[in-house]
C-alpha atoms as a PDB file:
ATOM      1  CA  UNK A   1      52.794-132.034  43.747  1.00  0.00           C
ATOM      2  CA  UNK A   2      56.378-131.382  42.667  1.00  0.00           C
ATOM      3  CA  UNK A   3      59.060-133.992  43.277  1.00  0.00           C
ATOM      4  CA  UNK A   4      60.809-131.592  45.689  1.00  0.00           C
ATOM      5  CA  UNK A   5      57.582-131.177  47.675  1.00  0.00           C
ATOM      6  CA  UNK A   6      57.018-134.948  47.739  1.00  0.00           C
ATOM      7  CA  UNK A   7      60.604-135.523  48.878  1.00  0.00           C
ATOM      8  CA  UNK A   8      60.303-132.968  51.686  1.00  0.00           C
ATOM      9  CA  UNK A   9      57.017-134.441  52.868  1.00  0.00           C
ATOM     10  CA  UNK A  10      58.293-138.022  52.681  1.00  0.00           C
ATOM     11  CA  UNK A  11      61.392-137.078  54.691  1.00  0.00           C
ATOM     12  CA  UNK A  12      59.142-135.739  57.441  1.00  0.00           C
ATOM     13  CA  UNK A  13      60.532-132.220  57.271  1.00  0.00           C
ATOM     14  CA  UNK A  14      57.148-130.826  58.286  1.00  0.00           C
ATOM     15  CA  UNK A  15      54.236-132.304  60.132  1.00  0.00           C
ATOM     16  CA  UNK A  16      50.575-131.647  59.432  1.00  0.00           C
ATOM     17  CA  UNK A  17      48.421-131.438  62.539  1.00  0.00           C
ATOM     18  CA  UNK A  18      46.735-134.849  63.039  1.00  0.00           C
ATOM     19  CA  UNK A  19      43.197-133.413  62.822  1.00  0.00           C
ATOM     20  CA  UNK A  20      43.793-131.223  59.778  1.00  0.00           C
ATOM     21  CA  UNK A  21      42.636-132.085  56.275  1.00  0.00           C
ATOM     22  CA  UNK A  22      45.230-131.811  53.506  1.00  0.00           C
ATOM     23  CA  UNK A  23      45.442-128.234  52.202  1.00  0.00           C
ATOM     24  CA  UNK A  24      43.616-127.116  49.072  1.00  0.00           C
ATOM     25  CA  UNK A  25      44.427-124.008  47.006  1.00  0.00           C
ATOM     26  CA  UNK A  26      43.224-120.898  48.818  1.00  0.00           C
ATOM     27  CA  UNK A  27      43.347-122.475  52.295  1.00  0.00           C
ATOM     28  CA  UNK A  28      44.900-120.605  55.204  1.00  0.00           C
ATOM     29  CA  UNK A  29      47.791-122.467  56.797  1.00  0.00           C
ATOM     30  CA  UNK A  30      48.540-121.904  60.477  1.00  0.00           C
ATOM     31  CA  UNK A  31      52.094-122.907  61.421  1.00  0.00           C
ATOM     32  CA  UNK A  32      52.768-123.461  65.107  1.00  0.00           C
ATOM     33  CA  UNK A  33      56.054-121.796  66.019  1.00  0.00           C
ATOM     34  CA  UNK A  34      57.421-121.663  69.549  1.00  0.00           C
ATOM     35  CA  UNK A  35      55.206-119.082  71.268  1.00  0.00           C
ATOM     36  CA  UNK A  36      53.296-117.801  68.234  1.00  0.00           C
ATOM     37  CA  UNK A  37      51.680-118.823  64.952  1.00  0.00           C
ATOM     38  CA  UNK A  38      52.905-117.945  61.469  1.00  0.00           C
ATOM     39  CA  UNK A  39      50.336-117.836  58.654  1.00  0.00           C
ATOM     40  CA  UNK A  40      50.568-118.581  54.942  1.00  0.00           C
ATOM     41  CA  UNK A  41      48.158-119.209  52.084  1.00  0.00           C
ATOM     42  CA  UNK A  42      48.277-122.492  50.206  1.00  0.00           C
ATOM     43  CA  UNK A  43      48.528-122.015  46.426  1.00  0.00           C
ATOM     44  CA  UNK A  44      48.884-125.648  45.317  1.00  0.00           C
ATOM     45  CA  UNK A  45      51.579-128.188  44.436  1.00  0.00           C
ATOM     46  CA  UNK A  46      53.053-128.005  47.936  1.00  0.00           C
ATOM     47  CA  UNK A  47      53.617-124.227  47.839  1.00  0.00           C
ATOM     48  CA  UNK A  48      52.469-121.371  50.068  1.00  0.00           C
ATOM     49  CA  UNK A  49      52.670-117.596  49.770  1.00  0.00           C
ATOM     50  CA  UNK A  50      53.547-115.670  52.914  1.00  0.00           C
ATOM     51  CA  UNK A  51      55.250-112.504  54.179  1.00  0.00           C
ATOM     52  CA  UNK A  52      58.877-113.075  55.204  1.00  0.00           C
ATOM     53  CA  UNK A  53      61.746-110.923  56.483  1.00  0.00           C
ATOM     54  CA  UNK A  54      63.202-108.529  53.911  1.00  0.00           C
ATOM     55  CA  UNK A  55      66.699-109.112  52.505  1.00  0.00           C
ATOM     56  CA  UNK A  56      67.927-106.223  54.682  1.00  0.00           C
ATOM     57  CA  UNK A  57      66.765-108.095  57.773  1.00  0.00           C
ATOM     58  CA  UNK A  58      68.423-111.301  56.575  1.00  0.00           C
ATOM     59  CA  UNK A  59      71.730-109.529  55.859  1.00  0.00           C
ATOM     60  CA  UNK A  60      71.600-107.972  59.297  1.00  0.00           C
ATOM     61  CA  UNK A  61      71.288-111.374  60.923  1.00  0.00           C
ATOM     62  CA  UNK A  62      67.711-110.792  61.997  1.00  0.00           C
ATOM     63  CA  UNK A  63      65.810-114.067  62.079  1.00  0.00           C
ATOM     64  CA  UNK A  64      62.409-112.437  61.968  1.00  0.00           C
ATOM     65  CA  UNK A  65      60.561-109.209  61.377  1.00  0.00           C
ATOM     66  CA  UNK A  66      61.962-106.283  63.284  1.00  0.00           C
ATOM     67  CA  UNK A  67      60.867-102.705  63.765  1.00  0.00           C
ATOM     68  CA  UNK A  68      64.520-101.769  63.269  1.00  0.00           C
ATOM     69  CA  UNK A  69      64.293-102.803  59.605  1.00  0.00           C
ATOM     70  CA  UNK A  70      61.515-100.389  58.675  1.00  0.00           C
ATOM     71  CA  UNK A  71      58.425-102.493  59.287  1.00  0.00           C
ATOM     72  CA  UNK A  72      58.542-104.144  55.869  1.00  0.00           C
ATOM     73  CA  UNK A  73      58.212-107.731  54.694  1.00  0.00           C
ATOM     74  CA  UNK A  74      58.703-109.389  51.338  1.00  0.00           C
ATOM     75  CA  UNK A  75      56.095-111.767  49.970  1.00  0.00           C
ATOM     76  CA  UNK A  76      57.567-115.150  49.096  1.00  0.00           C
ATOM     77  CA  UNK A  77      56.341-118.319  47.424  1.00  0.00           C
ATOM     78  CA  UNK A  78      57.999-121.304  49.044  1.00  0.00           C
ATOM     79  CA  UNK A  79      57.375-124.959  49.734  1.00  0.00           C
ATOM     80  CA  UNK A  80      55.088-125.395  52.726  1.00  0.00           C
ATOM     81  CA  UNK A  81      57.423-128.074  54.029  1.00  0.00           C
ATOM     82  CA  UNK A  82      60.333-125.615  54.004  1.00  0.00           C
ATOM     83  CA  UNK A  83      58.350-122.770  55.609  1.00  0.00           C
ATOM     84  CA  UNK A  84      56.986-125.056  58.335  1.00  0.00           C
ATOM     85  CA  UNK A  85      60.265-126.879  58.866  1.00  0.00           C
ATOM     86  CA  UNK A  86      59.749-129.275  61.758  1.00  0.00           C
ATOM     87  CA  UNK A  87      56.837-127.260  63.156  1.00  0.00           C
ATOM     88  CA  UNK A  88      53.312-128.621  62.977  1.00  0.00           C
ATOM     89  CA  UNK A  89      50.800-126.859  60.782  1.00  0.00           C
ATOM     90  CA  UNK A  90      47.124-127.116  59.940  1.00  0.00           C
ATOM     91  CA  UNK A  91      44.507-125.803  57.579  1.00  0.00           C
ATOM     92  CA  UNK A  92      42.654-123.118  59.530  1.00  0.00           C
ATOM     93  CA  UNK A  93      39.911-121.313  57.646  1.00  0.00           C
ATOM     94  CA  UNK A  94      38.448-120.145  60.951  1.00  0.00           C
ATOM     95  CA  UNK A  95      36.774-117.019  59.559  1.00  0.00           C
ATOM     96  CA  UNK A  96      34.780-118.733  56.794  1.00  0.00           C
ATOM     97  CA  UNK A  97      31.527-118.797  58.801  1.00  0.00           C
ATOM     98  CA  UNK A  98      31.641-115.037  59.354  1.00  0.00           C
ATOM     99  CA  UNK A  99      33.264-113.931  56.077  1.00  0.00           C
ATOM    100  CA  UNK A 100      32.668-115.639  52.742  1.00  0.00           C
ATOM    101  CA  UNK A 101      35.918-116.763  51.162  1.00  0.00           C
ATOM    102  CA  UNK A 102      36.698-115.577  47.665  1.00  0.00           C
ATOM    103  CA  UNK A 103      36.834-118.268  44.955  1.00  0.00           C
ATOM    104  CA  UNK A 104      40.024-120.371  45.303  1.00  0.00           C
ATOM    105  CA  UNK A 105      41.308-119.400  41.848  1.00  0.00           C
ATOM    106  CA  UNK A 106      40.976-115.690  42.717  1.00  0.00           C
ATOM    107  CA  UNK A 107      42.726-116.199  46.076  1.00  0.00           C
ATOM    108  CA  UNK A 108      45.621-118.000  44.388  1.00  0.00           C
ATOM    109  CA  UNK A 109      45.796-115.428  41.580  1.00  0.00           C
ATOM    110  CA  UNK A 110      45.944-112.525  44.066  1.00  0.00           C
ATOM    111  CA  UNK A 111      48.541-114.335  46.182  1.00  0.00           C
ATOM    112  CA  UNK A 112      50.734-115.041  43.138  1.00  0.00           C
ATOM    113  CA  UNK A 113      50.533-111.341  42.132  1.00  0.00           C
ATOM    114  CA  UNK A 114      51.951-110.375  45.527  1.00  0.00           C
ATOM    115  CA  UNK A 115      55.064-112.588  45.263  1.00  0.00           C
ATOM    116  CA  UNK A 116      58.237-110.508  45.277  1.00  0.00           C
ATOM    117  CA  UNK A 117      56.530-107.351  46.527  1.00  0.00           C
ATOM    118  CA  UNK A 118      57.444-105.530  49.707  1.00  0.00           C
ATOM    119  CA  UNK A 119      54.481-104.996  52.003  1.00  0.00           C
ATOM    120  CA  UNK A 120      54.049-103.175  55.309  1.00  0.00           C
ATOM    121  CA  UNK A 121      54.592-105.303  58.401  1.00  0.00           C
ATOM    122  CA  UNK A 122      53.328-104.459  61.852  1.00  0.00           C
ATOM    123  CA  UNK A 123      52.619-106.877  64.648  1.00  0.00           C
ATOM    124  CA  UNK A 124      49.331-105.151  65.430  1.00  0.00           C
ATOM    125  CA  UNK A 125      47.971-104.079  62.048  1.00  0.00           C
ATOM    126  CA  UNK A 126      49.822-105.742  59.149  1.00  0.00           C
ATOM    127  CA  UNK A 127      51.033-109.142  60.343  1.00  0.00           C
ATOM    128  CA  UNK A 128      51.120-112.438  58.440  1.00  0.00           C
ATOM    129  CA  UNK A 129      47.592-113.376  59.547  1.00  0.00           C
ATOM    130  CA  UNK A 130      46.242-110.026  58.320  1.00  0.00           C
ATOM    131  CA  UNK A 131      47.986-110.680  54.997  1.00  0.00           C
ATOM    132  CA  UNK A 132      46.463-114.113  54.360  1.00  0.00           C
ATOM    133  CA  UNK A 133      42.946-113.244  55.530  1.00  0.00           C
ATOM    134  CA  UNK A 134      42.975-110.213  53.206  1.00  0.00           C
ATOM    135  CA  UNK A 135      43.712-112.613  50.345  1.00  0.00           C
ATOM    136  CA  UNK A 136      41.059-115.168  51.364  1.00  0.00           C
ATOM    137  CA  UNK A 137      38.244-112.872  52.519  1.00  0.00           C
ATOM    138  CA  UNK A 138      39.052-109.418  51.175  1.00  0.00           C
ATOM    139  CA  UNK A 139      39.359-108.123  54.742  1.00  0.00           C
ATOM    140  CA  UNK A 140      42.401-108.349  56.980  1.00  0.00           C
ATOM    141  CA  UNK A 141      41.829-110.053  60.316  1.00  0.00           C
ATOM    142  CA  UNK A 142      44.014-111.297  63.130  1.00  0.00           C
ATOM    143  CA  UNK A 143      43.119-113.166  66.282  1.00  0.00           C
ATOM    144  CA  UNK A 144      46.676-112.756  67.582  1.00  0.00           C
ATOM    145  CA  UNK A 145      46.656-108.999  68.172  1.00  0.00           C
ATOM    146  CA  UNK A 146      45.165-106.480  70.515  1.00  0.00           C
ATOM    147  CA  UNK A 147      46.369-104.694  73.615  1.00  0.00           C
ATOM    148  CA  UNK A 148      49.795-106.006  74.550  1.00  0.00           C
ATOM    149  CA  UNK A 149      49.881-107.952  77.808  1.00  0.00           C
ATOM    150  CA  UNK A 150      52.077-106.701  80.638  1.00  0.00           C
ATOM    151  CA  UNK A 151      54.620-109.495  80.101  1.00  0.00           C
ATOM    152  CA  UNK A 152      55.352-108.205  76.584  1.00  0.00           C
ATOM    153  CA  UNK A 153      58.328-106.061  77.540  1.00  0.00           C
ATOM    154  CA  UNK A 154      61.098-104.706  75.303  1.00  0.00           C
ATOM    155  CA  UNK A 155      63.042-107.896  75.956  1.00  0.00           C
ATOM    156  CA  UNK A 156      60.180-110.061  74.659  1.00  0.00           C
ATOM    157  CA  UNK A 157      58.452-107.554  72.395  1.00  0.00           C
ATOM    158  CA  UNK A 158      58.494-106.951  68.667  1.00  0.00           C
ATOM    159  CA  UNK A 159      61.889-107.602  67.138  1.00  0.00           C
ATOM    160  CA  UNK A 160      62.903-110.167  69.764  1.00  0.00           C
ATOM    161  CA  UNK A 161      61.986-113.198  67.711  1.00  0.00           C
ATOM    162  CA  UNK A 162      60.736-114.593  64.446  1.00  0.00           C
ATOM    163  CA  UNK A 163      58.662-112.943  62.963  1.00  0.00           C
ATOM    164  CA  UNK A 164      58.746-110.000  65.325  1.00  0.00           C
ATOM    165  CA  UNK A 165      57.017-111.339  68.393  1.00  0.00           C
ATOM    166  CA  UNK A 166      57.520-114.114  70.867  1.00  0.00           C
ATOM    167  CA  UNK A 167      54.122-114.848  72.304  1.00  0.00           C
ATOM    168  CA  UNK A 168      50.545-114.730  71.154  1.00  0.00           C
ATOM    169  CA  UNK A 169      48.775-111.441  71.702  1.00  0.00           C
ATOM    170  CA  UNK A 170      45.039-111.409  72.144  1.00  0.00           C
ATOM    171  CA  UNK A 171      42.558-108.585  72.416  1.00  0.00           C
ATOM    172  CA  UNK A 172      41.199-107.919  75.880  1.00  0.00           C
ATOM    173  CA  UNK A 173      37.868-109.507  74.932  1.00  0.00           C
ATOM    174  CA  UNK A 174      39.431-112.318  72.883  1.00  0.00           C
ATOM    175  CA  UNK A 175      38.098-110.679  69.722  1.00  0.00           C
ATOM    176  CA  UNK A 176      39.793-110.474  66.385  1.00  0.00           C
ATOM    177  CA  UNK A 177      41.165-107.168  65.225  1.00  0.00           C
ATOM    178  CA  UNK A 178      40.086-106.035  61.759  1.00  0.00           C
ATOM    179  CA  UNK A 179      42.250-103.727  59.658  1.00  0.00           C
ATOM    180  CA  UNK A 180      42.302-102.720  56.012  1.00  0.00           C
ATOM    181  CA  UNK A 181      45.566-103.322  54.185  1.00  0.00           C
ATOM    182  CA  UNK A 182      46.486-101.255  51.171  1.00  0.00           C
ATOM    183  CA  UNK A 183      48.851-102.840  48.683  1.00  0.00           C
ATOM    184  CA  UNK A 184      50.495-100.924  45.889  1.00  0.00           C
ATOM    185  CA  UNK A 185      50.115-102.616  42.522  1.00  0.00           C
END
């Protein structure tokens, strides 16, 4: 682990969930934000790869993904401790029983190839969970999406928060949505 990563962890900048094992390369990391979960993939040495707001969104003062900014995200490699901040996180490879994970070195290699690229972002079909499960399993999955509940109005809908939604969204049957992502090389 890098000295910066060790310093961040020792200063308590982020907190691993008490029942979570330490992350290993290729693990999915679920970060508990206020009202939703952000997802990243652990690539080793304290770093994760994850979709983040584009520079246009940042310049516009948008703190998260917004449909106003063209439904795009940029893939970043950052310290897990910095991405999580003071939010708790855990290793959550919840789909491993249903979908075989790719070898860790292949997951990390694919994740590293994506760094710096712009990718589509959509709350319902191309969100951060879809992104990381595509890397780990070869299929994009999300347990956070489905029909929007009645309380998800314009005031609280996509674009209102970081990264584009305020509350968790589940399918009517509590099932995960599966979508294929296509990434340009």
